[in-house]
């Protein structure tokens, strides 16, 4: 049995690993994490609002199953598109 350095374990269990010795990245990571949290809340809010409105309408026959499915697909596209905004921020480090 070989005992490896603790840095391997730390790298595997940490949320963020700096690949270069640049502490100026820390504020960038903090901004990115705040933006991620904000987008996640927006996505959850949108999904919750959709489900509160569309599911009862579909259950009571106000909208057809095809319309409900189409709006669900649109909701998913909206959530994915909102999440993709984070890629733009991540590229501009």
N, C-alpha and C. Protein backbone atom coordinates (compact mmCIF):
# COMPACT_ATOMS: atom_id res chain seq x y z
N UNK A 1 0.85 -1.17 0.00
CA UNK A 1 0.00 0.00 0.00
C UNK A 1 0.89 1.23 0.00
N UNK A 2 0.56 2.17 -0.87
CA UNK A 2 1.32 3.40 -0.98
C UNK A 2 0.46 4.56 -0.52
N UNK A 3 1.03 5.43 0.24
CA UNK A 3 0.32 6.62 0.70
C UNK A 3 0.72 7.78 -0.20
N UNK A 4 -0.27 8.40 -0.84
CA UNK A 4 -0.02 9.52 -1.73
C UNK A 4 -0.19 10.82 -0.97
N UNK A 5 0.23 11.88 -1.58
CA UNK A 5 0.14 13.20 -0.96
C UNK A 5 -1.30 13.64 -0.75
N UNK A 6 -1.49 14.48 0.22
CA UNK A 6 -2.82 14.98 0.54
C UNK A 6 -3.38 15.91 -0.52
N UNK A 7 -2.52 16.45 -1.38
CA UNK A 7 -3.02 17.37 -2.40
C UNK A 7 -3.94 16.66 -3.41
N UNK A 8 -3.71 15.37 -3.66
CA UNK A 8 -4.59 14.63 -4.56
C UNK A 8 -5.99 14.52 -3.96
N UNK A 9 -6.06 14.21 -2.69
CA UNK A 9 -7.35 14.10 -2.01
C UNK A 9 -8.02 15.46 -1.95
N UNK A 10 -7.28 16.50 -1.65
CA UNK A 10 -7.84 17.85 -1.57
C UNK A 10 -8.41 18.28 -2.93
N UNK A 11 -7.69 17.96 -3.99
CA UNK A 11 -8.17 18.32 -5.32
C UNK A 11 -9.43 17.58 -5.72
N UNK A 12 -9.56 16.34 -5.29
CA UNK A 12 -10.74 15.55 -5.62
C UNK A 12 -11.96 15.97 -4.82
N UNK A 13 -11.77 16.46 -3.64
CA UNK A 13 -12.91 16.79 -2.78
C UNK A 13 -13.29 18.26 -2.77
N UNK A 14 -12.46 19.10 -3.36
CA UNK A 14 -12.75 20.53 -3.32
C UNK A 14 -13.73 20.92 -4.43
N UNK A 15 -14.38 22.05 -4.23
CA UNK A 15 -15.30 22.58 -5.23
C UNK A 15 -14.56 23.31 -6.34
N UNK A 16 -13.47 23.95 -6.01
CA UNK A 16 -12.70 24.73 -6.96
C UNK A 16 -11.22 24.43 -6.75
N UNK A 17 -10.51 24.24 -7.86
CA UNK A 17 -9.06 24.04 -7.80
C UNK A 17 -8.43 25.07 -8.71
N UNK A 18 -7.55 25.88 -8.17
CA UNK A 18 -6.83 26.85 -8.98
C UNK A 18 -5.70 26.12 -9.70
N UNK A 19 -5.72 26.17 -11.02
CA UNK A 19 -4.72 25.47 -11.80
C UNK A 19 -3.45 26.29 -11.98
N UNK A 20 -3.52 27.55 -11.60
CA UNK A 20 -2.32 28.39 -11.68
C UNK A 20 -2.29 29.25 -10.42
N UNK A 21 -1.11 29.67 -10.03
CA UNK A 21 -0.97 30.42 -8.77
C UNK A 21 -1.39 31.88 -8.93
N UNK A 22 -2.69 32.09 -9.13
CA UNK A 22 -3.19 33.44 -9.36
C UNK A 22 -4.40 33.67 -8.45
N UNK A 23 -4.19 34.31 -7.33
CA UNK A 23 -5.27 34.56 -6.38
C UNK A 23 -6.25 35.62 -6.88
N UNK A 24 -5.91 36.29 -7.97
CA UNK A 24 -6.86 37.24 -8.55
C UNK A 24 -8.09 36.52 -9.11
N UNK A 25 -8.01 35.20 -9.27
CA UNK A 25 -9.16 34.42 -9.75
C UNK A 25 -10.22 34.25 -8.68
N UNK A 26 -9.89 34.40 -7.43
CA UNK A 26 -10.84 34.17 -6.34
C UNK A 26 -12.07 35.08 -6.46
N UNK A 27 -11.91 36.40 -6.65
CA UNK A 27 -13.12 37.22 -6.82
C UNK A 27 -13.94 36.83 -8.04
N UNK A 28 -13.28 36.38 -9.10
CA UNK A 28 -14.00 35.91 -10.28
C UNK A 28 -14.84 34.68 -9.95
N UNK A 29 -14.26 33.74 -9.20
CA UNK A 29 -15.01 32.55 -8.78
C UNK A 29 -16.20 32.94 -7.90
N UNK A 30 -16.02 33.92 -7.04
CA UNK A 30 -17.12 34.36 -6.19
C UNK A 30 -18.24 34.98 -7.02
N UNK A 31 -17.89 35.79 -8.02
CA UNK A 31 -18.92 36.37 -8.90
C UNK A 31 -19.62 35.29 -9.70
N UNK A 32 -18.85 34.32 -10.20
CA UNK A 32 -19.44 33.23 -10.97
C UNK A 32 -20.38 32.39 -10.11
N UNK A 33 -19.99 32.13 -8.87
CA UNK A 33 -20.86 31.33 -8.00
C UNK A 33 -22.13 32.10 -7.66
N UNK A 34 -22.03 33.41 -7.46
CA UNK A 34 -23.23 34.22 -7.19
C UNK A 34 -24.15 34.22 -8.41
N UNK A 35 -23.57 34.34 -9.60
CA UNK A 35 -24.38 34.32 -10.82
C UNK A 35 -25.03 32.95 -11.01
N UNK A 36 -24.31 31.89 -10.70
CA UNK A 36 -24.86 30.54 -10.81
C UNK A 36 -26.04 30.37 -9.86
N UNK A 37 -25.88 30.86 -8.64
CA UNK A 37 -26.96 30.78 -7.66
C UNK A 37 -28.19 31.57 -8.15
N UNK A 38 -27.96 32.75 -8.70
CA UNK A 38 -29.05 33.59 -9.20
C UNK A 38 -29.78 32.92 -10.36
N UNK A 39 -29.03 32.37 -11.32
CA UNK A 39 -29.64 31.70 -12.48
C UNK A 39 -30.39 30.44 -12.03
N UNK A 40 -29.85 29.72 -11.08
CA UNK A 40 -30.54 28.53 -10.57
C UNK A 40 -31.87 28.91 -9.94
N UNK A 41 -31.88 29.98 -9.17
CA UNK A 41 -33.14 30.44 -8.56
C UNK A 41 -34.13 30.89 -9.63
N UNK A 42 -33.65 31.58 -10.66
CA UNK A 42 -34.53 31.99 -11.75
C UNK A 42 -35.14 30.78 -12.44
N UNK A 43 -34.32 29.77 -12.71
CA UNK A 43 -34.80 28.57 -13.38
C UNK A 43 -35.82 27.82 -12.52
N UNK A 44 -35.55 27.71 -11.24
CA UNK A 44 -36.50 27.06 -10.35
C UNK A 44 -37.80 27.85 -10.27
N UNK A 45 -37.70 29.16 -10.22
CA UNK A 45 -38.90 30.00 -10.18
C UNK A 45 -39.73 29.84 -11.44
N UNK A 46 -39.07 29.85 -12.59
CA UNK A 46 -39.79 29.68 -13.85
C UNK A 46 -40.45 28.31 -13.91
N UNK A 47 -39.72 27.26 -13.56
CA UNK A 47 -40.28 25.90 -13.61
C UNK A 47 -41.46 25.77 -12.64
N UNK A 48 -41.34 26.35 -11.46
CA UNK A 48 -42.43 26.29 -10.49
C UNK A 48 -43.65 27.04 -11.03
N UNK A 49 -43.45 28.23 -11.56
CA UNK A 49 -44.56 29.01 -12.10
C UNK A 49 -45.24 28.28 -13.25
N UNK A 50 -44.45 27.70 -14.13
CA UNK A 50 -45.02 26.94 -15.24
C UNK A 50 -45.89 25.81 -14.70
N UNK A 51 -45.36 25.04 -13.75
CA UNK A 51 -46.09 23.89 -13.22
C UNK A 51 -47.35 24.31 -12.49
N UNK A 52 -47.31 25.43 -11.78
CA UNK A 52 -48.49 25.90 -11.05
C UNK A 52 -49.60 26.29 -12.03
N UNK A 53 -49.23 26.85 -13.16
CA UNK A 53 -50.23 27.32 -14.13
C UNK A 53 -50.62 26.22 -15.12
N UNK A 54 -49.66 25.61 -15.76
CA UNK A 54 -49.96 24.72 -16.89
C UNK A 54 -50.53 23.37 -16.48
N UNK A 55 -50.06 22.80 -15.39
CA UNK A 55 -50.54 21.47 -15.01
C UNK A 55 -52.03 21.49 -14.66
N UNK A 56 -52.50 22.44 -13.85
CA UNK A 56 -53.96 22.46 -13.61
C UNK A 56 -54.77 22.72 -14.88
N UNK A 57 -54.26 23.61 -15.76
CA UNK A 57 -54.97 23.86 -17.02
C UNK A 57 -55.08 22.60 -17.85
N UNK A 58 -54.01 21.83 -17.91
CA UNK A 58 -54.03 20.58 -18.66
C UNK A 58 -54.91 19.54 -17.96
N UNK A 59 -54.85 19.49 -16.64
CA UNK A 59 -55.64 18.50 -15.89
C UNK A 59 -57.14 18.74 -16.04
N UNK A 60 -57.55 20.00 -16.11
CA UNK A 60 -58.97 20.32 -16.24
C UNK A 60 -59.42 20.45 -17.69
N UNK A 61 -58.53 20.16 -18.62
CA UNK A 61 -58.89 20.15 -20.03
C UNK A 61 -58.99 21.52 -20.67
N UNK A 62 -58.47 22.54 -20.00
CA UNK A 62 -58.51 23.88 -20.58
C UNK A 62 -57.57 23.97 -21.78
N UNK A 63 -56.43 23.32 -21.66
CA UNK A 63 -55.51 23.24 -22.79
C UNK A 63 -55.33 21.77 -23.15
N UNK A 64 -55.06 21.52 -24.40
CA UNK A 64 -54.91 20.14 -24.85
C UNK A 64 -53.56 19.58 -24.40
N UNK A 65 -53.44 18.27 -24.36
CA UNK A 65 -52.14 17.67 -24.01
C UNK A 65 -51.03 18.10 -24.97
N UNK A 66 -51.36 18.30 -26.23
CA UNK A 66 -50.34 18.73 -27.21
C UNK A 66 -49.83 20.13 -26.87
N UNK A 67 -50.74 21.02 -26.51
CA UNK A 67 -50.33 22.38 -26.13
C UNK A 67 -49.52 22.33 -24.84
N UNK A 68 -49.95 21.52 -23.88
CA UNK A 68 -49.20 21.38 -22.62
C UNK A 68 -47.79 20.86 -22.89
N UNK A 69 -47.68 19.88 -23.77
CA UNK A 69 -46.36 19.33 -24.10
C UNK A 69 -45.49 20.36 -24.80
N UNK A 70 -46.10 21.12 -25.71
CA UNK A 70 -45.33 22.15 -26.42
C UNK A 70 -44.86 23.24 -25.47
N UNK A 71 -45.72 23.66 -24.56
CA UNK A 71 -45.29 24.69 -23.61
C UNK A 71 -44.26 24.14 -22.63
N UNK A 72 -44.33 22.87 -22.31
CA UNK A 72 -43.32 22.26 -21.45
C UNK A 72 -41.96 22.25 -22.17
N UNK A 73 -41.97 21.92 -23.45
CA UNK A 73 -40.73 21.96 -24.22
C UNK A 73 -40.19 23.38 -24.29
N UNK A 74 -41.08 24.35 -24.50
CA UNK A 74 -40.65 25.75 -24.51
C UNK A 74 -40.08 26.18 -23.18
N UNK A 75 -40.67 25.70 -22.10
CA UNK A 75 -40.17 26.01 -20.76
C UNK A 75 -38.76 25.44 -20.58
N UNK A 76 -38.55 24.23 -21.06
CA UNK A 76 -37.23 23.62 -20.95
C UNK A 76 -36.19 24.38 -21.77
N UNK A 77 -36.57 24.82 -22.96
CA UNK A 77 -35.65 25.61 -23.78
C UNK A 77 -35.31 26.93 -23.08
N UNK A 78 -36.31 27.54 -22.46
CA UNK A 78 -36.07 28.78 -21.73
C UNK A 78 -35.08 28.58 -20.58
N UNK A 79 -35.25 27.50 -19.83
CA UNK A 79 -34.36 27.21 -18.71
C UNK A 79 -32.93 26.94 -19.21
N UNK A 80 -32.81 26.16 -20.27
CA UNK A 80 -31.47 25.86 -20.81
C UNK A 80 -30.82 27.14 -21.34
N UNK A 81 -31.60 27.94 -22.05
CA UNK A 81 -31.06 29.20 -22.57
C UNK A 81 -30.61 30.13 -21.46
N UNK A 82 -31.38 30.19 -20.39
CA UNK A 82 -31.00 31.02 -19.25
C UNK A 82 -29.70 30.51 -18.63
N UNK A 83 -29.56 29.21 -18.54
CA UNK A 83 -28.34 28.63 -17.97
C UNK A 83 -27.12 28.86 -18.85
N UNK A 84 -27.32 28.90 -20.15
CA UNK A 84 -26.19 29.11 -21.06
C UNK A 84 -25.55 30.48 -20.89
N UNK A 85 -26.27 31.42 -20.29
CA UNK A 85 -25.67 32.74 -20.04
C UNK A 85 -24.45 32.61 -19.14
N UNK A 86 -24.40 31.59 -18.31
CA UNK A 86 -23.25 31.39 -17.42
C UNK A 86 -21.99 31.04 -18.20
N UNK A 87 -22.14 30.38 -19.33
CA UNK A 87 -20.97 30.06 -20.15
C UNK A 87 -20.28 31.32 -20.63
N UNK A 88 -21.07 32.32 -20.96
CA UNK A 88 -20.50 33.59 -21.40
C UNK A 88 -19.67 34.19 -20.28
N UNK A 89 -20.18 34.18 -19.07
CA UNK A 89 -19.43 34.74 -17.95
C UNK A 89 -18.19 33.90 -17.64
N UNK A 90 -18.29 32.60 -17.77
CA UNK A 90 -17.16 31.72 -17.45
C UNK A 90 -16.02 31.91 -18.44
N UNK A 91 -16.33 32.25 -19.67
CA UNK A 91 -15.27 32.44 -20.68
C UNK A 91 -14.49 33.73 -20.46
N UNK A 92 -15.09 34.68 -19.81
CA UNK A 92 -14.44 35.99 -19.65
C UNK A 92 -13.82 36.12 -18.27
N UNK A 93 -12.85 35.27 -18.03
CA UNK A 93 -12.16 35.27 -16.73
C UNK A 93 -11.12 36.35 -16.69
